[in-house]
PDB file of N, CA and C in Angstrom:
ATOM      1  N   MET A   1       0.607  -1.165   0.040  1.00  0.00           N
ATOM      2  CA  MET A   1      -0.180   0.050  -0.041  1.00  0.00           C
ATOM      3  C   MET A   1       1.061   1.274  -0.206  1.00  0.00           C
ATOM      4  N   SER A   2       0.532   2.622  -0.625  1.00  0.00           N
ATOM      5  CA  SER A   2       1.706   3.735  -0.877  1.00  0.00           C
ATOM      6  C   SER A   2       0.922   4.567   0.430  1.00  0.00           C
ATOM      7  N   ASP A   3       2.195   4.873   0.763  1.00  0.00           N
ATOM      8  CA  ASP A   3       2.212   5.865   1.759  1.00  0.00           C
ATOM      9  C   ASP A   3       2.561   6.916   1.634  1.00  0.00           C
ATOM     10  N   ASN A   4       1.462   7.686   0.948  1.00  0.00           N
ATOM     11  CA  ASN A   4       2.163   8.845   0.516  1.00  0.00           C
ATOM     12  C   ASN A   4       0.789   9.917   0.580  1.00  0.00           C
ATOM     13  N   LYS A   5      -0.391   9.679   1.416  1.00  0.00           N
ATOM     14  CA  LYS A   5      -1.056  10.755   2.603  1.00  0.00           C
ATOM     15  C   LYS A   5      -0.748  12.634   2.297  1.00  0.00           C
ATOM     16  N   GLY A   6      -1.139  12.928   1.591  1.00  0.00           N
ATOM     17  CA  GLY A   6      -1.145  14.505   1.894  1.00  0.00           C
ATOM     18  C   GLY A   6       0.259  14.985   0.842  1.00  0.00           C
ATOM     19  N   LYS A   7       0.307  13.595   0.249  1.00  0.00           N
ATOM     20  CA  LYS A   7       1.574  14.347  -1.554  1.00  0.00           C
ATOM     21  C   LYS A   7       0.545  14.268  -2.396  1.00  0.00           C
ATOM     22  N   PRO A   8       0.667  15.031  -3.289  1.00  0.00           N
ATOM     23  CA  PRO A   8       0.857  15.035  -4.730  1.00  0.00           C
ATOM     24  C   PRO A   8       1.517  13.319  -5.313  1.00  0.00           C
ATOM     25  N   LEU A   9      -0.036  12.388  -5.935  1.00  0.00           N
ATOM     26  CA  LEU A   9       0.795  11.270  -6.932  1.00  0.00           C
ATOM     27  C   LEU A   9       0.926  11.336  -8.123  1.00  0.00           C
ATOM     28  N   ASN A  10       1.777  11.282  -9.123  1.00  0.00           N
ATOM     29  CA  ASN A  10       1.838  11.583 -10.765  1.00  0.00           C
ATOM     30  C   ASN A  10       1.147  10.013 -10.784  1.00  0.00           C
ATOM     31  N   LEU A  11       0.160   9.630 -11.142  1.00  0.00           N
ATOM     32  CA  LEU A  11      -0.511   7.793 -11.392  1.00  0.00           C
ATOM     33  C   LEU A  11       0.512   7.757 -12.803  1.00  0.00           C
ATOM     34  N   LYS A  12       0.960   8.481 -13.666  1.00  0.00           N
ATOM     35  CA  LYS A  12       1.732   7.816 -15.052  1.00  0.00           C
ATOM     36  C   LYS A  12       2.636   7.163 -14.285  1.00  0.00           C
ATOM     37  N   GLU A  13       3.669   7.667 -13.077  1.00  0.00           N
ATOM     38  CA  GLU A  13       4.559   7.856 -13.033  1.00  0.00           C
ATOM     39  C   GLU A  13       4.464   6.695 -11.500  1.00  0.00           C
ATOM     40  N   GLU A  14       2.849   6.024 -10.718  1.00  0.00           N
ATOM     41  CA  GLU A  14       3.079   5.699  -9.418  1.00  0.00           C
ATOM     42  C   GLU A  14       3.068   4.026  -9.809  1.00  0.00           C
ATOM     43  N   ILE A  15       2.922   3.498 -11.357  1.00  0.00           N
ATOM     44  CA  ILE A  15       3.240   2.481 -11.905  1.00  0.00           C
ATOM     45  C   ILE A  15       3.580   2.083 -12.791  1.00  0.00           C
ATOM     46  N   THR A  16       4.699   0.520 -13.663  1.00  0.00           N
ATOM     47  CA  THR A  16       4.934   0.389 -14.376  1.00  0.00           C
ATOM     48  C   THR A  16       4.249  -0.293 -15.338  1.00  0.00           C
ATOM     49  N   TYR A  17       4.594   0.043 -15.834  1.00  0.00           N
ATOM     50  CA  TYR A  17       3.834  -1.841 -16.832  1.00  0.00           C
ATOM     51  C   TYR A  17       4.617  -3.172 -17.081  1.00  0.00           C
ATOM     52  N   ALA A  18       4.790  -4.906 -17.011  1.00  0.00           N
ATOM     53  CA  ALA A  18       5.793  -5.659 -17.137  1.00  0.00           C
ATOM     54  C   ALA A  18       4.892  -6.526 -18.699  1.00  0.00           C
ATOM     55  N   ASP A  19       5.914  -6.903 -18.841  1.00  0.00           N
ATOM     56  CA  ASP A  19       5.194  -8.226 -19.773  1.00  0.00           C
ATOM     57  C   ASP A  19       4.182  -9.021 -19.987  1.00  0.00           C
ATOM     58  N   GLY A  20       3.530  -8.858 -20.311  1.00  0.00           N
ATOM     59  CA  GLY A  20       3.042  -9.329 -20.703  1.00  0.00           C
ATOM     60  C   GLY A  20       1.776 -10.050 -18.894  1.00  0.00           C
ATOM     61  N   ALA A  21       1.581  -8.920 -18.307  1.00  0.00           N
ATOM     62  CA  ALA A  21       1.023  -9.358 -17.528  1.00  0.00           C
ATOM     63  C   ALA A  21      -0.005  -7.655 -16.747  1.00  0.00           C
ATOM     64  N   VAL A  22       0.007  -7.954 -15.734  1.00  0.00           N
ATOM     65  CA  VAL A  22      -1.403  -7.144 -14.937  1.00  0.00           C
ATOM     66  C   VAL A  22      -0.828  -7.191 -13.944  1.00  0.00           C
ATOM     67  N   ILE A  23      -0.595  -5.196 -12.997  1.00  0.00           N
ATOM     68  CA  ILE A  23      -0.043  -4.591 -12.196  1.00  0.00           C
ATOM     69  C   ILE A  23      -0.878  -4.562 -11.759  1.00  0.00           C
ATOM     70  N   SER A  24      -0.878  -4.115 -10.443  1.00  0.00           N
ATOM     71  CA  SER A  24      -2.050  -3.338  -9.416  1.00  0.00           C
ATOM     72  C   SER A  24      -1.734  -3.372  -7.880  1.00  0.00           C
ATOM     73  N   LYS A  25      -2.043  -1.492  -8.392  1.00  0.00           N
ATOM     74  CA  LYS A  25      -1.182  -0.994  -6.469  1.00  0.00           C
ATOM     75  C   LYS A  25      -1.848  -0.734  -5.841  1.00  0.00           C
ATOM     76  N   ILE A  26      -2.333  -0.814  -4.241  1.00  0.00           N
ATOM     77  CA  ILE A  26      -3.344  -0.109  -3.425  1.00  0.00           C
ATOM     78  C   ILE A  26      -2.883   0.970  -2.856  1.00  0.00           C
ATOM     79  N   LEU A  27      -3.660   2.237  -3.685  1.00  0.00           N
ATOM     80  CA  LEU A  27      -3.069   3.577  -2.144  1.00  0.00           C
ATOM     81  C   LEU A  27      -3.733   3.849  -1.626  1.00  0.00           C
ATOM     82  N   LEU A  28      -4.935   2.841  -1.176  1.00  0.00           N
ATOM     83  CA  LEU A  28      -5.527   3.416  -0.278  1.00  0.00           C
ATOM     84  C   LEU A  28      -6.332   1.961   0.119  1.00  0.00           C
ATOM     85  N   LYS A  29      -6.729   1.951   1.591  1.00  0.00           N
ATOM     86  CA  LYS A  29      -7.256   0.456   1.734  1.00  0.00           C
ATOM     87  C   LYS A  29      -8.179   0.820   2.451  1.00  0.00           C
ATOM     88  N   LYS A  30      -9.661   0.506   2.659  1.00  0.00           N
ATOM     89  CA  LYS A  30     -10.182   0.871   4.522  1.00  0.00           C
ATOM     90  C   LYS A  30     -11.376  -0.240   4.019  1.00  0.00           C
ATOM     91  N   ASP A  31     -11.616  -0.279   5.420  1.00  0.00           N
ATOM     92  CA  ASP A  31     -13.494  -1.215   5.283  1.00  0.00           C
ATOM     93  C   ASP A  31     -14.823  -0.615   4.572  1.00  0.00           C
ATOM     94  N   THR A  32     -14.795   0.631   4.645  1.00  0.00           N
ATOM     95  CA  THR A  32     -15.066   1.280   3.351  1.00  0.00           C
ATOM     96  C   THR A  32     -15.007   0.946   1.971  1.00  0.00           C
ATOM     97  N   GLY A  33     -13.916   0.839   1.790  1.00  0.00           N
ATOM     98  CA  GLY A  33     -13.522   1.062  -0.166  1.00  0.00           C
ATOM     99  C   GLY A  33     -12.157   0.966  -0.233  1.00  0.00           C
ATOM    100  N   ASN A  34     -11.511   1.245  -1.089  1.00  0.00           N
ATOM    101  CA  ASN A  34     -10.473   0.414  -1.689  1.00  0.00           C
ATOM    102  C   ASN A  34     -10.711   1.776  -3.304  1.00  0.00           C
ATOM    103  N   ILE A  35      -8.496   2.420  -2.543  1.00  0.00           N
ATOM    104  CA  ILE A  35      -8.524   2.573  -4.492  1.00  0.00           C
ATOM    105  C   ILE A  35      -7.004   1.690  -4.806  1.00  0.00           C
ATOM    106  N   THR A  36      -7.947   1.859  -6.174  1.00  0.00           N
ATOM    107  CA  THR A  36      -6.208   0.190  -6.621  1.00  0.00           C
ATOM    108  C   THR A  36      -5.916   1.196  -8.124  1.00  0.00           C
ATOM    109  N   LEU A  37      -4.268   1.169  -8.093  1.00  0.00           N
ATOM    110  CA  LEU A  37      -3.768   1.514  -9.524  1.00  0.00           C
ATOM    111  C   LEU A  37      -3.461   0.727 -10.291  1.00  0.00           C
ATOM    112  N   PHE A  38      -4.030  -0.260 -11.673  1.00  0.00           N
ATOM    113  CA  PHE A  38      -4.057  -1.265 -12.397  1.00  0.00           C
ATOM    114  C   PHE A  38      -3.111  -0.504 -13.734  1.00  0.00           C
ATOM    115  N   SER A  39      -2.207  -1.693 -14.148  1.00  0.00           N
ATOM    116  CA  SER A  39      -1.232  -1.139 -15.440  1.00  0.00           C
ATOM    117  C   SER A  39      -1.654  -3.426 -16.077  1.00  0.00           C
ATOM    118  N   PHE A  40      -2.315  -2.238 -17.315  1.00  0.00           N
ATOM    119  CA  PHE A  40      -2.489  -3.558 -18.107  1.00  0.00           C
ATOM    120  C   PHE A  40      -1.088  -3.851 -19.589  1.00  0.00           C
ATOM    121  N   ASP A  41      -0.661  -5.210 -20.144  1.00  0.00           N
ATOM    122  CA  ASP A  41       0.159  -5.232 -20.942  1.00  0.00           C
ATOM    123  C   ASP A  41      -0.624  -5.040 -21.608  1.00  0.00           C
ATOM    124  N   THR A  42       0.036  -5.098 -23.182  1.00  0.00           N
ATOM    125  CA  THR A  42      -0.644  -5.143 -24.354  1.00  0.00           C
ATOM    126  C   THR A  42      -1.110  -6.756 -24.317  1.00  0.00           C
ATOM    127  N   GLY A  43      -2.494  -7.224 -24.873  1.00  0.00           N
ATOM    128  CA  GLY A  43      -3.262  -8.229 -24.690  1.00  0.00           C
ATOM    129  C   GLY A  43      -3.915  -9.082 -23.058  1.00  0.00           C
ATOM    130  N   GLN A  44      -3.998  -8.001 -21.959  1.00  0.00           N
ATOM    131  CA  GLN A  44      -3.632  -8.743 -20.396  1.00  0.00           C
ATOM    132  C   GLN A  44      -5.082  -8.298 -20.317  1.00  0.00           C
ATOM    133  N   GLY A  45      -6.129  -9.160 -19.407  1.00  0.00           N
ATOM    134  CA  GLY A  45      -6.513  -8.080 -18.890  1.00  0.00           C
ATOM    135  C   GLY A  45      -7.520  -8.606 -17.311  1.00  0.00           C
ATOM    136  N   LEU A  46      -8.701  -8.797 -17.053  1.00  0.00           N
ATOM    137  CA  LEU A  46      -8.314  -9.043 -15.880  1.00  0.00           C
ATOM    138  C   LEU A  46     -10.380  -9.739 -16.501  1.00  0.00           C
ATOM    139  N   SER A  47     -10.380 -10.872 -16.676  1.00  0.00           N
ATOM    140  CA  SER A  47     -11.572 -12.500 -16.619  1.00  0.00           C
ATOM    141  C   SER A  47     -12.861 -11.818 -16.206  1.00  0.00           C
ATOM    142  N   GLU A  48     -14.046 -11.970 -16.912  1.00  0.00           N
ATOM    143  CA  GLU A  48     -15.067 -10.942 -16.747  1.00  0.00           C
ATOM    144  C   GLU A  48     -15.803 -11.738 -15.247  1.00  0.00           C
ATOM    145  N   HIS A  49     -15.600 -11.398 -14.530  1.00  0.00           N
ATOM    146  CA  HIS A  49     -15.987 -10.932 -12.697  1.00  0.00           C
ATOM    147  C   HIS A  49     -18.038  -9.747 -12.346  1.00  0.00           C
ATOM    148  N   THR A  50     -17.562 -10.468 -11.306  1.00  0.00           N
ATOM    149  CA  THR A  50     -18.501  -9.731 -10.686  1.00  0.00           C
ATOM    150  C   THR A  50     -18.245  -8.312  -9.501  1.00  0.00           C
ATOM    151  N   SER A  51     -18.277  -7.623  -9.010  1.00  0.00           N
ATOM    152  CA  SER A  51     -18.813  -6.773  -7.891  1.00  0.00           C
ATOM    153  C   SER A  51     -19.747  -7.084  -7.176  1.00  0.00           C
ATOM    154  N   PRO A  52     -20.276  -7.083  -5.445  1.00  0.00           N
ATOM    155  CA  PRO A  52     -21.020  -6.699  -5.250  1.00  0.00           C
ATOM    156  C   PRO A  52     -21.976  -4.953  -4.745  1.00  0.00           C
ATOM    157  N   PHE A  53     -20.261  -4.119  -5.542  1.00  0.00           N
ATOM    158  CA  PHE A  53     -20.582  -2.194  -5.385  1.00  0.00           C
ATOM    159  C   PHE A  53     -20.145  -1.873  -7.184  1.00  0.00           C
ATOM    160  N   ASP A  54     -20.430  -1.130  -7.332  1.00  0.00           N
ATOM    161  CA  ASP A  54     -20.023   0.118  -8.061  1.00  0.00           C
ATOM    162  C   ASP A  54     -18.936  -0.105  -8.278  1.00  0.00           C
ATOM    163  N   ALA A  55     -17.812   0.169  -8.806  1.00  0.00           N
ATOM    164  CA  ALA A  55     -16.738   0.578  -9.181  1.00  0.00           C
ATOM    165  C   ALA A  55     -17.195   1.515 -10.209  1.00  0.00           C
ATOM    166  N   VAL A  56     -16.468   2.803  -9.993  1.00  0.00           N
ATOM    167  CA  VAL A  56     -14.934   4.320 -10.928  1.00  0.00           C
ATOM    168  C   VAL A  56     -14.169   4.167 -11.415  1.00  0.00           C
ATOM    169  N   VAL A  57     -13.813   3.479 -12.631  1.00  0.00           N
ATOM    170  CA  VAL A  57     -12.850   3.620 -13.309  1.00  0.00           C
ATOM    171  C   VAL A  57     -12.583   5.122 -13.832  1.00  0.00           C
ATOM    172  N   GLN A  58     -11.199   5.591 -13.891  1.00  0.00           N
ATOM    173  CA  GLN A  58     -10.852   5.921 -13.893  1.00  0.00           C
ATOM    174  C   GLN A  58      -9.072   5.583 -15.472  1.00  0.00           C
ATOM    175  N   VAL A  59      -9.343   6.296 -16.441  1.00  0.00           N
ATOM    176  CA  VAL A  59      -8.390   5.223 -17.460  1.00  0.00           C
ATOM    177  C   VAL A  59      -7.114   6.884 -17.206  1.00  0.00           C
ATOM    178  N   VAL A  60      -6.092   5.895 -16.491  1.00  0.00           N
ATOM    179  CA  VAL A  60      -4.988   7.895 -16.686  1.00  0.00           C
ATOM    180  C   VAL A  60      -4.357   8.233 -17.794  1.00  0.00           C
ATOM    181  N   GLU A  61      -4.138   6.414 -18.455  1.00  0.00           N
ATOM    182  CA  GLU A  61      -3.245   6.314 -19.928  1.00  0.00           C
ATOM    183  C   GLU A  61      -3.468   5.546 -20.379  1.00  0.00           C
ATOM    184  N   GLY A  62      -3.047   5.410 -21.685  1.00  0.00           N
ATOM    185  CA  GLY A  62      -3.588   4.756 -22.831  1.00  0.00           C
ATOM    186  C   GLY A  62      -4.976   4.675 -22.900  1.00  0.00           C
ATOM    187  N   GLU A  63      -5.538   3.259 -23.413  1.00  0.00           N
ATOM    188  CA  GLU A  63      -6.865   3.157 -23.550  1.00  0.00           C
ATOM    189  C   GLU A  63      -7.816   1.458 -23.644  1.00  0.00           C
ATOM    190  N   GLY A  64      -8.048   0.917 -22.176  1.00  0.00           N
ATOM    191  CA  GLY A  64      -9.139   0.079 -22.587  1.00  0.00           C
ATOM    192  C   GLY A  64     -10.393   0.007 -22.936  1.00  0.00           C
ATOM    193  N   ALA A  65     -10.274  -1.244 -22.836  1.00  0.00           N
ATOM    194  CA  ALA A  65     -11.472  -2.169 -23.860  1.00  0.00           C
ATOM    195  C   ALA A  65     -12.024  -2.870 -22.464  1.00  0.00           C
ATOM    196  N   PHE A  66     -13.343  -2.758 -21.752  1.00  0.00           N
ATOM    197  CA  PHE A  66     -14.454  -2.615 -21.299  1.00  0.00           C
ATOM    198  C   PHE A  66     -15.733  -3.047 -21.738  1.00  0.00           C
ATOM    199  N   ILE A  67     -16.254  -4.700 -20.883  1.00  0.00           N
ATOM    200  CA  ILE A  67     -17.152  -5.494 -21.464  1.00  0.00           C
ATOM    201  C   ILE A  67     -18.009  -5.471 -20.539  1.00  0.00           C
ATOM    202  N   ILE A  68     -19.086  -4.700 -20.131  1.00  0.00           N
ATOM    203  CA  ILE A  68     -19.647  -4.970 -19.108  1.00  0.00           C
ATOM    204  C   ILE A  68     -21.198  -5.147 -19.838  1.00  0.00           C
ATOM    205  N   ASP A  69     -22.179  -5.846 -19.161  1.00  0.00           N
ATOM    206  CA  ASP A  69     -23.295  -6.936 -19.665  1.00  0.00           C
ATOM    207  C   ASP A  69     -23.225  -6.774 -21.045  1.00  0.00           C
ATOM    208  N   GLY A  70     -22.459  -7.470 -21.401  1.00  0.00           N
ATOM    209  CA  GLY A  70     -21.973  -8.513 -22.617  1.00  0.00           C
ATOM    210  C   GLY A  70     -21.613  -6.716 -23.698  1.00  0.00           C
ATOM    211  N   ALA A  71     -21.691  -5.215 -23.600  1.00  0.00           N
ATOM    212  CA  ALA A  71     -22.043  -4.474 -24.170  1.00  0.00           C
ATOM    213  C   ALA A  71     -20.163  -4.623 -24.323  1.00  0.00           C
ATOM    214  N   MET A  72     -19.429  -4.045 -25.505  1.00  0.00           N
ATOM    215  CA  MET A  72     -17.842  -3.343 -25.815  1.00  0.00           C
ATOM    216  C   MET A  72     -18.023  -1.113 -25.848  1.00  0.00           C
ATOM    217  N   GLN A  73     -16.469  -1.347 -24.268  1.00  0.00           N
ATOM    218  CA  GLN A  73     -16.973   0.207 -24.223  1.00  0.00           C
ATOM    219  C   GLN A  73     -15.525   0.641 -24.207  1.00  0.00           C
ATOM    220  N   THR A  74     -14.977   1.888 -24.971  1.00  0.00           N
ATOM    221  CA  THR A  74     -13.278   2.291 -25.535  1.00  0.00           C
ATOM    222  C   THR A  74     -13.156   3.465 -24.262  1.00  0.00           C
ATOM    223  N   VAL A  75     -12.796   2.974 -23.211  1.00  0.00           N
ATOM    224  CA  VAL A  75     -12.725   4.222 -22.623  1.00  0.00           C
ATOM    225  C   VAL A  75     -11.183   4.567 -23.013  1.00  0.00           C
ATOM    226  N   LYS A  76     -10.704   6.235 -22.986  1.00  0.00           N
ATOM    227  CA  LYS A  76      -9.557   6.455 -23.215  1.00  0.00           C
ATOM    228  C   LYS A  76      -9.321   7.393 -22.234  1.00  0.00           C
ATOM    229  N   GLU A  77      -8.165   7.710 -21.931  1.00  0.00           N
ATOM    230  CA  GLU A  77      -7.112   8.244 -21.169  1.00  0.00           C
ATOM    231  C   GLU A  77      -8.066  10.196 -21.124  1.00  0.00           C
ATOM    232  N   GLY A  78      -8.185   9.741 -19.483  1.00  0.00           N
ATOM    233  CA  GLY A  78      -9.130  11.312 -19.053  1.00  0.00           C
ATOM    234  C   GLY A  78     -10.465  10.677 -18.973  1.00  0.00           C
ATOM    235  N   GLU A  79     -11.110   9.907 -19.215  1.00  0.00           N
ATOM    236  CA  GLU A  79     -11.992   9.094 -19.257  1.00  0.00           C
ATOM    237  C   GLU A  79     -12.230   8.742 -17.802  1.00  0.00           C
ATOM    238  N   MET A  80     -13.587   8.145 -18.032  1.00  0.00           N
ATOM    239  CA  MET A  80     -13.825   7.393 -16.850  1.00  0.00           C
ATOM    240  C   MET A  80     -15.244   6.566 -16.751  1.00  0.00           C
ATOM    241  N   ILE A  81     -15.490   5.018 -16.656  1.00  0.00           N
ATOM    242  CA  ILE A  81     -16.866   4.812 -16.880  1.00  0.00           C
ATOM    243  C   ILE A  81     -17.868   3.742 -15.745  1.00  0.00           C
ATOM    244  N   ILE A  82     -18.491   3.930 -15.607  1.00  0.00           N
ATOM    245  CA  ILE A  82     -19.293   3.509 -13.233  1.00  0.00           C
ATOM    246  C   ILE A  82     -19.863   1.820 -14.211  1.00  0.00           C
ATOM    247  N   MET A  83     -19.445   0.639 -13.050  1.00  0.00           N
ATOM    248  CA  MET A  83     -19.533  -0.317 -14.267  1.00  0.00           C
ATOM    249  C   MET A  83     -20.059  -0.630 -12.584  1.00  0.00           C
ATOM    250  N   PRO A  84     -21.396  -0.750 -13.091  1.00  0.00           N
ATOM    251  CA  PRO A  84     -22.259  -1.135 -12.554  1.00  0.00           C
ATOM    252  C   PRO A  84     -22.412  -2.691 -10.907  1.00  0.00           C
ATOM    253  N   ALA A  85     -22.977  -2.313  -9.810  1.00  0.00           N
ATOM    254  CA  ALA A  85     -22.313  -3.427  -8.694  1.00  0.00           C
ATOM    255  C   ALA A  85     -23.034  -4.891  -9.804  1.00  0.00           C
ATOM    256  N   ASN A  86     -22.750  -6.052  -9.235  1.00  0.00           N
ATOM    257  CA  ASN A  86     -23.504  -7.481  -9.484  1.00  0.00           C
ATOM    258  C   ASN A  86     -23.738  -7.407 -10.901  1.00  0.00           C
ATOM    259  N   ILE A  87     -22.881  -6.431 -11.885  1.00  0.00           N
ATOM    260  CA  ILE A  87     -23.620  -7.276 -13.056  1.00  0.00           C
ATOM    261  C   ILE A  87     -21.977  -7.040 -13.946  1.00  0.00           C
ATOM    262  N   THR A  88     -21.831  -8.649 -15.060  1.00  0.00           N
ATOM    263  CA  THR A  88     -20.802  -9.223 -15.482  1.00  0.00           C
ATOM    264  C   THR A  88     -19.749  -8.521 -16.494  1.00  0.00           C
ATOM    265  N   HIS A  89     -18.306  -7.768 -15.600  1.00  0.00           N
ATOM    266  CA  HIS A  89     -17.243  -7.550 -16.758  1.00  0.00           C
ATOM    267  C   HIS A  89     -16.045  -7.376 -16.060  1.00  0.00           C
ATOM    268  N   ASP A  90     -15.374  -7.375 -17.850  1.00  0.00           N
ATOM    269  CA  ASP A  90     -14.284  -7.571 -17.911  1.00  0.00           C
ATOM    270  C   ASP A  90     -14.036  -6.533 -18.262  1.00  0.00           C
ATOM    271  N   VAL A  91     -12.201  -6.616 -18.533  1.00  0.00           N
ATOM    272  CA  VAL A  91     -11.184  -5.563 -18.142  1.00  0.00           C
ATOM    273  C   VAL A  91      -9.425  -5.497 -19.074  1.00  0.00           C
ATOM    274  N   GLN A  92      -9.627  -5.194 -20.707  1.00  0.00           N
ATOM    275  CA  GLN A  92      -9.068  -5.483 -20.952  1.00  0.00           C
ATOM    276  C   GLN A  92      -8.321  -5.053 -21.821  1.00  0.00           C
ATOM    277  N   ALA A  93      -7.024  -5.251 -22.664  1.00  0.00           N
ATOM    278  CA  ALA A  93      -5.875  -4.116 -23.221  1.00  0.00           C
ATOM    279  C   ALA A  93      -5.618  -4.299 -24.919  1.00  0.00           C
ATOM    280  N   ALA A  94      -7.076  -5.076 -25.455  1.00  0.00           N
ATOM    281  CA  ALA A  94      -7.154  -5.497 -26.542  1.00  0.00           C
ATOM    282  C   ALA A  94      -5.807  -4.516 -27.236  1.00  0.00           C
ATOM    283  N   GLU A  95      -5.387  -3.008 -27.633  1.00  0.00           N
ATOM    284  CA  GLU A  95      -4.791  -2.751 -29.129  1.00  0.00           C
ATOM    285  C   GLU A  95      -3.090  -1.795 -28.084  1.00  0.00           C
ATOM    286  N   GLN A  96      -3.578  -1.711 -26.892  1.00  0.00           N
ATOM    287  CA  GLN A  96      -1.982  -0.845 -26.570  1.00  0.00           C
ATOM    288  C   GLN A  96      -2.429  -1.320 -25.144  1.00  0.00           C
ATOM    289  N   PRO A  97      -0.899  -0.711 -24.291  1.00  0.00           N
ATOM    290  CA  PRO A  97      -0.966  -1.097 -22.834  1.00  0.00           C
ATOM    291  C   PRO A  97      -1.429   0.231 -22.056  1.00  0.00           C
ATOM    292  N   PHE A  98      -2.306   0.029 -21.371  1.00  0.00           N
ATOM    293  CA  PHE A  98      -2.899   0.355 -20.442  1.00  0.00           C
ATOM    294  C   PHE A  98      -3.155   0.239 -19.000  1.00  0.00           C
ATOM    295  N   LYS A  99      -2.428   2.219 -18.086  1.00  0.00           N
ATOM    296  CA  LYS A  99      -2.999   2.373 -16.561  1.00  0.00           C
ATOM    297  C   LYS A  99      -4.750   2.942 -16.348  1.00  0.00           C
ATOM    298  N   MET A 100      -5.012   2.366 -15.124  1.00  0.00           N
ATOM    299  CA  MET A 100      -5.932   2.785 -14.974  1.00  0.00           C
ATOM    300  C   MET A 100      -5.985   2.731 -13.136  1.00  0.00           C
ATOM    301  N   LEU A 101      -7.002   3.780 -13.498  1.00  0.00           N
ATOM    302  CA  LEU A 101      -7.862   3.907 -11.423  1.00  0.00           C
ATOM    303  C   LEU A 101      -8.482   3.665 -10.999  1.00  0.00           C
ATOM    304  N   LEU A 102      -8.591   2.208 -10.028  1.00  0.00           N
ATOM    305  CA  LEU A 102     -10.396   1.215  -9.783  1.00  0.00           C
ATOM    306  C   LEU A 102     -11.127   2.362  -8.143  1.00  0.00           C
ATOM    307  N   THR A 103     -11.974   2.770  -7.728  1.00  0.00           N
ATOM    308  CA  THR A 103     -12.205   3.789  -6.689  1.00  0.00           C
ATOM    309  C   THR A 103     -13.399   3.041  -6.905  1.00  0.00           C
ATOM    310  N   MET A 104     -13.378   2.307  -5.346  1.00  0.00           N
ATOM    311  CA  MET A 104     -14.559   1.137  -5.090  1.00  0.00           C
ATOM    312  C   MET A 104     -15.314   1.439  -3.814  1.00  0.00           C
ATOM    313  N   ILE A 105     -16.382   1.687  -3.682  1.00  0.00           N
ATOM    314  CA  ILE A 105     -16.735   2.472  -2.173  1.00  0.00           C
ATOM    315  C   ILE A 105     -17.502   1.355  -2.116  1.00  0.00           C
ATOM    316  N   ARG A 106     -17.676   0.379  -0.417  1.00  0.00           N
ATOM    317  CA  ARG A 106     -18.520  -0.142   0.077  1.00  0.00           C
ATOM    318  C   ARG A 106     -19.520  -0.118   0.534  1.00  0.00           C
ATOM    319  N   SER A 107     -20.506  -0.308  -0.216  1.00  0.00           N
ATOM    320  CA  SER A 107     -22.273   0.569   0.572  1.00  0.00           C
ATOM    321  C   SER A 107     -22.668  -0.511   0.162  1.00  0.00           C
ATOM    322  N   GLU A 108     -24.391  -0.659   0.937  1.00  0.00           N
ATOM    323  CA  GLU A 108     -25.008  -1.192   1.549  1.00  0.00           C
ATOM    324  C   GLU A 108     -26.339  -1.154   0.923  1.00  0.00           C
ATOM    325  N   THR A 109     -26.125   0.235  -0.354  1.00  0.00           N
ATOM    326  CA  THR A 109     -26.948   1.262  -1.392  1.00  0.00           C
ATOM    327  C   THR A 109     -26.830   1.109  -1.705  1.00  0.00           C
TER     328      THR A 109
END
């Protein structure tokens, strides 16, 4: 987990790429939610899954393919997407490597 509270972070520089891999770095983890930075090498991704909570994803470098409930969306650097709770989704770096910031807030509603 990052120990940079109270300091500015350059999200593009905070995580690197690794050949043929997905890397994650937890920036903040609490009982109420977490913020995680990811890097995806080209061709890598997270397989289809669901989450019991909404998740906000901000692409900080490159562009990623997000398949949510069977519909593919391309999200580019500077854009964000909300992945709804309990809906299948997967994330792929289909055409190029990319980095994203995932914010998940745990809530009963």
